[in-house]
Amino acid sequence: MFSQGTAIPEDKLLAVQQSLISMTPIPGSRTSSIGLTNVSQRISVFYGEGFGLWIENSADSQVRVSVTVPLVEHV
């Protein structure tokens, strides 16, 4: 998914990425990223380690959110 808004400031982006890695919201922050952390944690619990959300700035100053889940083929 891409945002058509502006990129996230680097310090805030690093804090959000760290919260996704550690599975804990950003402490003491007004916008603690608890929603992103919660969704990523639920995906990881359901599918296992290595699955969840990742957020980054793209080269054209947009924000990209990646959702990683396993491919399941129905037989």
C-alpha atoms as a PDB file:
ATOM      1  CA  MET A   1       0.000   0.000   0.000  1.00  0.00           C
ATOM      2  CA  PHE A   2       1.228   3.491  -0.746  1.00  0.00           C
ATOM      3  CA  SER A   3       0.294   6.830   0.750  1.00  0.00           C
ATOM      4  CA  GLN A   4      -0.018   9.803  -1.582  1.00  0.00           C
ATOM      5  CA  GLY A   5       0.962  12.143   1.251  1.00  0.00           C
ATOM      6  CA  THR A   6       4.446  13.115   2.310  1.00  0.00           C
ATOM      7  CA  ALA A   7       7.121  10.828   3.687  1.00  0.00           C
ATOM      8  CA  ILE A   8       7.394  10.178   7.425  1.00  0.00           C
ATOM      9  CA  PRO A   9      10.237  12.090   9.103  1.00  0.00           C
ATOM     10  CA  GLU A  10      13.251   9.790   9.499  1.00  0.00           C
ATOM     11  CA  ASP A  11      13.295   9.832  13.317  1.00  0.00           C
ATOM     12  CA  LYS A  12       9.584   8.957  13.520  1.00  0.00           C
ATOM     13  CA  LEU A  13       9.968   6.255  10.860  1.00  0.00           C
ATOM     14  CA  LEU A  14      12.835   4.636  12.776  1.00  0.00           C
ATOM     15  CA  ALA A  15      10.750   4.674  15.973  1.00  0.00           C
ATOM     16  CA  VAL A  16       7.793   3.027  14.198  1.00  0.00           C
ATOM     17  CA  GLN A  17      10.058   0.424  12.588  1.00  0.00           C
ATOM     18  CA  GLN A  18      11.600  -0.356  15.982  1.00  0.00           C
ATOM     19  CA  SER A  19       8.139  -0.743  17.513  1.00  0.00           C
ATOM     20  CA  LEU A  20       7.238  -3.226  14.752  1.00  0.00           C
ATOM     21  CA  ILE A  21      10.434  -5.209  15.370  1.00  0.00           C
ATOM     22  CA  SER A  22      10.065  -5.251  19.160  1.00  0.00           C
ATOM     23  CA  MET A  23       6.270  -5.694  19.060  1.00  0.00           C
ATOM     24  CA  THR A  24       5.837  -2.878  21.587  1.00  0.00           C
ATOM     25  CA  PRO A  25       4.270   0.554  21.027  1.00  0.00           C
ATOM     26  CA  ILE A  26       6.487   3.641  21.115  1.00  0.00           C
ATOM     27  CA  PRO A  27       6.708   4.584  24.810  1.00  0.00           C
ATOM     28  CA  GLY A  28       5.706   8.114  25.780  1.00  0.00           C
ATOM     29  CA  SER A  29       4.540   9.048  22.308  1.00  0.00           C
ATOM     30  CA  ARG A  30       1.232  10.810  21.669  1.00  0.00           C
ATOM     31  CA  THR A  31       0.923   8.716  18.515  1.00  0.00           C
ATOM     32  CA  SER A  32       2.305   5.479  19.905  1.00  0.00           C
ATOM     33  CA  SER A  33       1.821   3.316  16.770  1.00  0.00           C
ATOM     34  CA  ILE A  34      -0.219   0.916  18.907  1.00  0.00           C
ATOM     35  CA  GLY A  35      -2.547   0.129  15.990  1.00  0.00           C
ATOM     36  CA  LEU A  36       0.286  -0.836  13.616  1.00  0.00           C
ATOM     37  CA  THR A  37       2.044  -2.775  16.359  1.00  0.00           C
ATOM     38  CA  ASN A  38      -1.166  -4.601  17.309  1.00  0.00           C
ATOM     39  CA  VAL A  39      -1.956  -5.619  13.714  1.00  0.00           C
ATOM     40  CA  SER A  40       1.621  -6.740  13.075  1.00  0.00           C
ATOM     41  CA  GLN A  41       1.663  -8.745  16.298  1.00  0.00           C
ATOM     42  CA  ARG A  42      -1.633 -10.457  15.458  1.00  0.00           C
ATOM     43  CA  ILE A  43      -0.337 -11.425  12.004  1.00  0.00           C
ATOM     44  CA  SER A  44       2.872 -12.777  13.558  1.00  0.00           C
ATOM     45  CA  VAL A  45       1.011 -14.775  16.214  1.00  0.00           C
ATOM     46  CA  PHE A  46      -1.339 -16.245  13.613  1.00  0.00           C
ATOM     47  CA  TYR A  47       1.194 -17.042  10.849  1.00  0.00           C
ATOM     48  CA  GLY A  48       4.469 -17.228  12.776  1.00  0.00           C
ATOM     49  CA  GLU A  49       7.744 -15.356  13.013  1.00  0.00           C
ATOM     50  CA  GLY A  50       8.732 -13.447   9.897  1.00  0.00           C
ATOM     51  CA  PHE A  51       5.190 -12.378   9.021  1.00  0.00           C
ATOM     52  CA  GLY A  52       3.580  -9.009   9.819  1.00  0.00           C
ATOM     53  CA  LEU A  53       3.746  -5.343   8.808  1.00  0.00           C
ATOM     54  CA  TRP A  54       6.639  -3.175   7.678  1.00  0.00           C
ATOM     55  CA  ILE A  55       6.575   0.540   6.926  1.00  0.00           C
ATOM     56  CA  GLU A  56       9.106   2.592   4.966  1.00  0.00           C
ATOM     57  CA  ASN A  57       9.504   5.713   2.883  1.00  0.00           C
ATOM     58  CA  SER A  58       9.782   5.063  -0.843  1.00  0.00           C
ATOM     59  CA  ALA A  59      12.226   6.789  -3.181  1.00  0.00           C
ATOM     60  CA  ASP A  60       9.501   9.172  -4.417  1.00  0.00           C
ATOM     61  CA  SER A  61       8.723  10.425  -0.869  1.00  0.00           C
ATOM     62  CA  GLN A  62       5.630   8.323  -0.369  1.00  0.00           C
ATOM     63  CA  VAL A  63       5.002   5.935   2.511  1.00  0.00           C
ATOM     64  CA  ARG A  64       4.856   2.211   1.764  1.00  0.00           C
ATOM     65  CA  VAL A  65       3.212  -0.285   4.149  1.00  0.00           C
ATOM     66  CA  SER A  66       3.949  -3.927   3.400  1.00  0.00           C
ATOM     67  CA  VAL A  67       1.856  -6.789   4.759  1.00  0.00           C
ATOM     68  CA  THR A  68       3.702 -10.110   4.723  1.00  0.00           C
ATOM     69  CA  VAL A  69       1.626 -13.285   5.007  1.00  0.00           C
ATOM     70  CA  PRO A  70       2.281 -16.772   3.663  1.00  0.00           C
ATOM     71  CA  LEU A  71       0.885 -17.878   0.341  1.00  0.00           C
ATOM     72  CA  VAL A  72      -1.721 -20.549   0.937  1.00  0.00           C
ATOM     73  CA  GLU A  73      -2.827 -22.616  -2.020  1.00  0.00           C
ATOM     74  CA  HIS A  74      -6.253 -24.202  -1.745  1.00  0.00           C
ATOM     75  CA  VAL A  75      -6.532 -27.701  -3.103  1.00  0.00           C
END
